[in-house]
Amino acid sequence: MKTIKLLHMYPNVLDLYGDSGNVEVLKYRCAQRGIELQVFQHLMDKPDDIDFASMDIIYLGGGADYEQQLLADDLMGCKDRVKAAYDAGVFLLMICGGYQLLGQYYKDSNGEEIPGLGLFTYHTEASRNKRNRCIGNIVVETELMGEPYKVIGFENHGGQTTDVATPFGKVLCGNGNCWSSETEGYCEERVIATYLHGPLLSKNPGLADYVISKCLERQGEPSELAPLNDKLEQECREMLFGRLLNKQ
């Protein structure tokens, strides 16, 4: 049986809006194809000897200012291991707080700066007015395997992320990296960082399959996946696209 190894970082801290559901979606879609998804956990203040570079996916969910401050020191202690994983081609999937923490820094609404891992050039600063937030459904058009793909999710963030070299996609509805931004998230071939909650992958099965395919490709396995019956998911997506995009 093929195996994909996923490292879930801080599952008990970074789990806004059901973000841990992304792991369950990956596990389900792998199992339907005879692939085992092995899930490992890195927890705050609990040292482990996990070789991050031996993983296929590293996943960080979303967290508010308090949670980011809480785990900042522990995350910085993982800096070299995360960098080694990135250099080894491990897929990085990061949602909201996880997205912010792998940049240069995050300055919260109180003006306190939380250092990021500095893996990417972007940085995030929140408005001092805590009511100024990007909230609501969002649709982003990205490209997967050379084909356009609409990604739908829910954003709720006060942070404004700038200096993004390669965005995840073009905003069709919603805000994105900043208020009324044209772009959302950060992306490389094996990196997806985004503000989209939901959980993200339950609403976007094509994106879940992209992650799985890239993991298999890195292992030297055939990356083409057998199709699954996503009729219900596609019908839901089309309904939401019609509701959200027809307002534009």
Protein backbone atom coordinates (compact mmCIF):
# COMPACT_ATOMS: atom_id res chain seq x y z
CA MET A 1 0.00 0.00 0.00
CA LYS A 2 1.21 3.50 -0.83
CA THR A 3 1.76 5.71 2.18
CA ILE A 4 1.77 9.47 2.65
CA LYS A 5 3.06 10.93 5.91
CA LEU A 6 1.53 14.13 7.26
CA LEU A 7 2.86 16.18 10.17
CA HIS A 8 0.06 18.13 11.85
CA MET A 9 1.62 20.96 13.83
CA TYR A 10 -0.22 22.24 16.91
CA PRO A 11 -3.58 20.53 16.21
CA ASN A 12 -4.79 21.43 19.71
CA VAL A 13 -4.01 25.15 19.23
CA LEU A 14 -4.38 25.98 15.51
CA ASP A 15 -7.90 24.81 14.67
CA LEU A 16 -10.15 27.76 13.82
CA TYR A 17 -13.35 27.03 11.88
CA GLY A 18 -12.69 23.30 11.74
CA ASP A 19 -9.31 23.59 10.05
CA SER A 20 -8.34 20.13 11.33
CA GLY A 21 -11.01 18.85 8.96
CA ASN A 22 -8.48 19.34 6.16
CA VAL A 23 -6.53 16.38 7.54
CA GLU A 24 -9.70 14.27 7.60
CA VAL A 25 -10.45 15.16 3.97
CA LEU A 26 -6.96 14.13 2.88
CA LYS A 27 -7.24 10.90 4.86
CA TYR A 28 -10.60 10.07 3.26
CA ARG A 29 -9.55 10.85 -0.30
CA CYS A 30 -6.35 8.84 0.14
CA ALA A 31 -8.23 5.84 1.61
CA GLN A 32 -10.66 5.81 -1.32
CA ARG A 33 -7.66 5.17 -3.56
CA GLY A 34 -5.91 2.60 -1.38
CA ILE A 35 -3.40 5.09 0.01
CA GLU A 36 -2.66 5.24 3.73
CA LEU A 37 -2.30 8.68 5.27
CA GLN A 38 -0.18 8.42 8.39
CA VAL A 39 -0.68 11.40 10.70
CA PHE A 40 2.03 12.56 13.11
CA GLN A 41 1.67 15.46 15.53
CA HIS A 42 4.02 18.12 16.81
CA LEU A 43 2.64 19.63 20.03
CA MET A 44 3.72 22.76 21.85
CA ASP A 45 6.26 22.24 24.65
CA LYS A 46 6.44 18.50 23.97
CA PRO A 47 9.84 17.76 22.41
CA ASP A 48 9.87 15.05 19.75
CA ASP A 49 12.41 13.48 17.45
CA ILE A 50 10.30 13.67 14.30
CA ASP A 51 12.37 14.16 11.17
CA PHE A 52 10.34 16.87 9.44
CA ALA A 53 12.15 16.26 6.14
CA SER A 54 10.93 12.65 6.12
CA MET A 55 7.31 13.81 5.97
CA ASP A 56 5.33 14.32 2.77
CA ILE A 57 3.09 17.13 4.11
CA ILE A 58 3.46 19.63 6.93
CA TYR A 59 0.16 21.19 7.92
CA LEU A 60 -0.58 24.23 10.09
CA GLY A 61 -4.13 25.44 10.70
CA GLY A 62 -5.44 28.83 11.76
CA GLY A 63 -5.20 30.61 15.08
CA ALA A 64 -5.96 34.04 16.50
CA ASP A 65 -3.42 36.48 17.99
CA TYR A 66 -3.43 34.75 21.37
CA GLU A 67 -2.71 31.31 19.92
CA GLN A 68 0.08 32.67 17.71
CA GLN A 69 1.74 34.34 20.69
CA LEU A 70 1.34 31.16 22.71
CA LEU A 71 3.22 28.93 20.29
CA ALA A 72 5.68 31.44 18.81
CA ASP A 73 8.69 30.31 20.86
CA ASP A 74 8.04 26.64 20.21
CA LEU A 75 7.67 27.26 16.48
CA MET A 76 10.92 29.20 16.35
CA GLY A 77 12.56 26.18 17.93
CA CYS A 78 11.41 24.19 14.89
CA LYS A 79 12.82 26.67 12.37
CA ASP A 80 15.72 24.53 11.15
CA ARG A 81 13.54 21.42 10.85
CA VAL A 82 10.85 23.26 8.87
CA LYS A 83 13.49 24.79 6.59
CA ALA A 84 15.04 21.34 6.01
CA ALA A 85 11.60 19.96 5.10
CA TYR A 86 10.96 22.82 2.68
CA ASP A 87 14.36 22.30 1.04
CA ALA A 88 13.58 18.58 0.72
CA GLY A 89 10.35 19.32 -1.18
CA VAL A 90 7.90 18.47 1.58
CA PHE A 91 4.48 19.98 0.78
CA LEU A 92 3.62 22.89 3.10
CA LEU A 93 -0.10 23.58 3.62
CA MET A 94 -0.79 26.57 5.87
CA ILE A 95 -4.05 28.22 6.82
CA CYS A 96 -4.46 31.79 8.18
CA GLY A 97 -2.31 31.91 11.36
CA GLY A 98 -0.08 29.19 9.93
CA TYR A 99 0.27 31.28 6.77
CA GLN A 100 1.28 34.37 8.74
CA LEU A 101 3.79 32.60 10.98
CA LEU A 102 5.94 31.30 8.13
CA GLY A 103 6.53 34.82 6.84
CA GLN A 104 8.91 37.43 8.25
CA TYR A 105 6.73 38.53 11.15
CA TYR A 106 3.19 39.18 12.32
CA LYS A 107 2.36 42.45 14.12
CA ASP A 108 -0.89 42.03 16.03
CA SER A 109 -3.63 44.58 16.73
CA ASN A 110 -1.87 45.66 19.91
CA GLY A 111 1.29 46.47 17.99
CA GLU A 112 3.16 43.47 19.37
CA GLU A 113 5.45 41.83 16.83
CA ILE A 114 5.52 38.04 16.71
CA PRO A 115 8.54 36.74 14.78
CA GLY A 116 7.84 34.39 11.90
CA LEU A 117 10.08 31.64 10.61
CA GLY A 118 11.16 33.91 7.76
CA LEU A 119 10.80 31.14 5.22
CA PHE A 120 9.10 33.53 2.80
CA THR A 121 9.41 37.27 2.14
CA TYR A 122 5.91 38.41 3.08
CA HIS A 123 4.92 39.93 6.41
CA THR A 124 1.60 40.69 8.11
CA GLU A 125 0.37 43.64 10.15
CA ALA A 126 -3.07 43.95 11.76
CA SER A 127 -5.03 47.17 12.11
CA ARG A 128 -4.98 48.70 15.58
CA ASN A 129 -8.76 48.93 15.21
CA LYS A 130 -9.88 45.40 16.07
CA ARG A 131 -13.14 45.91 14.17
CA ASN A 132 -11.31 46.26 10.87
CA ARG A 133 -11.36 42.69 9.62
CA CYS A 134 -11.72 40.88 6.30
CA ILE A 135 -14.72 38.66 6.93
CA GLY A 136 -16.94 36.63 4.63
CA ASN A 137 -17.06 34.09 1.85
CA ILE A 138 -14.26 34.34 -0.68
CA VAL A 139 -13.60 32.88 -4.13
CA VAL A 140 -10.09 32.75 -5.58
CA GLU A 141 -9.07 31.61 -9.05
CA THR A 142 -5.79 29.72 -9.08
CA GLU A 143 -4.09 27.22 -11.38
CA LEU A 144 -3.68 23.51 -10.64
CA MET A 145 -1.76 21.24 -12.99
CA GLY A 146 -1.90 23.94 -15.66
CA GLU A 147 -5.68 24.33 -15.46
CA PRO A 148 -7.72 27.16 -13.88
CA TYR A 149 -9.51 26.17 -10.67
CA LYS A 150 -11.85 28.21 -8.49
CA VAL A 151 -11.22 27.86 -4.76
CA ILE A 152 -13.93 28.77 -2.27
CA GLY A 153 -13.59 29.39 1.46
CA PHE A 154 -14.29 31.68 4.38
CA GLU A 155 -11.94 34.45 5.50
CA ASN A 156 -11.82 36.17 8.88
CA HIS A 157 -8.58 38.03 9.50
CA GLY A 158 -7.46 41.42 10.69
CA GLY A 159 -3.94 40.88 9.39
CA GLN A 160 -2.90 42.52 6.15
CA THR A 161 -0.25 40.49 4.34
CA THR A 162 2.07 42.30 1.94
CA ASP A 163 5.27 41.65 -0.06
CA VAL A 164 3.79 38.42 -1.43
CA ALA A 165 6.01 37.30 -4.30
CA THR A 166 3.78 34.59 -5.79
CA PRO A 167 0.12 34.74 -4.68
CA PHE A 168 -2.12 31.69 -4.46
CA GLY A 169 -4.63 33.22 -6.82
CA LYS A 170 -6.77 36.09 -8.08
CA VAL A 171 -9.63 37.27 -5.86
CA LEU A 172 -13.01 36.96 -7.62
CA CYS A 173 -15.10 37.64 -4.52
CA GLY A 174 -13.97 38.76 -1.07
CA ASN A 175 -10.88 40.57 0.21
CA GLY A 176 -7.75 38.43 0.05
CA ASN A 177 -4.35 39.31 1.46
CA CYS A 178 -5.47 42.86 2.29
CA TRP A 179 -8.75 44.76 2.27
CA SER A 180 -10.15 44.64 -1.29
CA SER A 181 -6.97 42.99 -2.54
CA GLU A 182 -6.63 41.61 -6.05
CA THR A 183 -4.71 38.56 -4.82
CA GLU A 184 -4.87 36.01 -2.02
CA GLY A 185 -2.40 33.77 -0.26
CA TYR A 186 1.06 32.59 -1.23
CA CYS A 187 1.91 29.69 -3.51
CA GLU A 188 4.74 27.61 -4.90
CA GLU A 189 4.58 24.20 -6.56
CA ARG A 190 4.62 22.49 -3.15
CA VAL A 191 3.48 25.37 -0.94
CA ILE A 192 -0.06 26.63 -0.40
CA ALA A 193 -0.58 29.35 2.19
CA THR A 194 -4.03 30.92 2.38
CA TYR A 195 -6.54 32.71 4.59
CA LEU A 196 -9.32 30.36 3.47
CA HIS A 197 -11.01 28.42 6.25
CA GLY A 198 -14.00 26.19 5.86
CA PRO A 199 -12.30 23.69 6.10
CA LEU A 200 -10.61 24.52 2.82
CA LEU A 201 -10.28 21.04 1.31
CA SER A 202 -13.86 19.87 1.92
CA LYS A 203 -15.09 22.64 -0.39
CA ASN A 204 -12.31 22.15 -2.94
CA PRO A 205 -11.74 18.46 -3.72
CA GLY A 206 -9.57 19.32 -6.70
CA LEU A 207 -7.18 21.13 -4.40
CA ALA A 208 -7.04 18.16 -2.02
CA ASP A 209 -6.16 15.91 -4.94
CA TYR A 210 -3.46 18.33 -6.07
CA VAL A 211 -1.76 18.01 -2.69
CA ILE A 212 -1.98 14.21 -2.80
CA SER A 213 -0.64 14.10 -6.36
CA LYS A 214 2.35 16.27 -5.51
CA CYS A 215 3.22 14.02 -2.58
CA LEU A 216 3.14 10.92 -4.76
CA GLU A 217 5.15 12.67 -7.46
CA ARG A 218 7.87 13.53 -4.94
CA GLN A 219 8.03 9.86 -3.91
CA GLY A 220 8.57 8.85 -7.54
CA GLU A 221 5.10 7.26 -7.68
CA PRO A 222 2.56 7.81 -10.49
CA SER A 223 0.76 11.04 -9.59
CA GLU A 224 -2.39 10.49 -11.64
CA LEU A 225 -5.27 9.75 -9.27
CA ALA A 226 -8.34 7.64 -9.91
CA PRO A 227 -11.39 9.92 -10.02
CA LEU A 228 -13.83 9.91 -7.09
CA ASN A 229 -17.55 10.60 -7.10
CA ASP A 230 -17.57 14.30 -6.27
CA LYS A 231 -21.03 14.98 -7.68
CA LEU A 232 -22.41 16.40 -4.43
CA GLU A 233 -19.34 18.57 -3.84
CA GLN A 234 -19.47 19.93 -7.39
CA GLU A 235 -23.18 20.73 -7.14
CA CYS A 236 -22.57 22.60 -3.90
CA ARG A 237 -19.67 24.48 -5.44
CA GLU A 238 -21.68 25.53 -8.47
CA MET A 239 -24.52 26.75 -6.28
CA LEU A 240 -22.15 28.86 -4.18
CA PHE A 241 -20.31 30.24 -7.19
CA GLY A 242 -23.63 31.27 -8.69
CA ARG A 243 -24.69 32.94 -5.45
CA LEU A 244 -21.41 34.73 -4.80
CA LEU A 245 -20.02 35.58 -8.23
CA ASN A 246 -23.29 36.76 -9.73
CA LYS A 247 -23.26 39.58 -7.20
CA GLN A 248 -20.13 41.03 -8.73
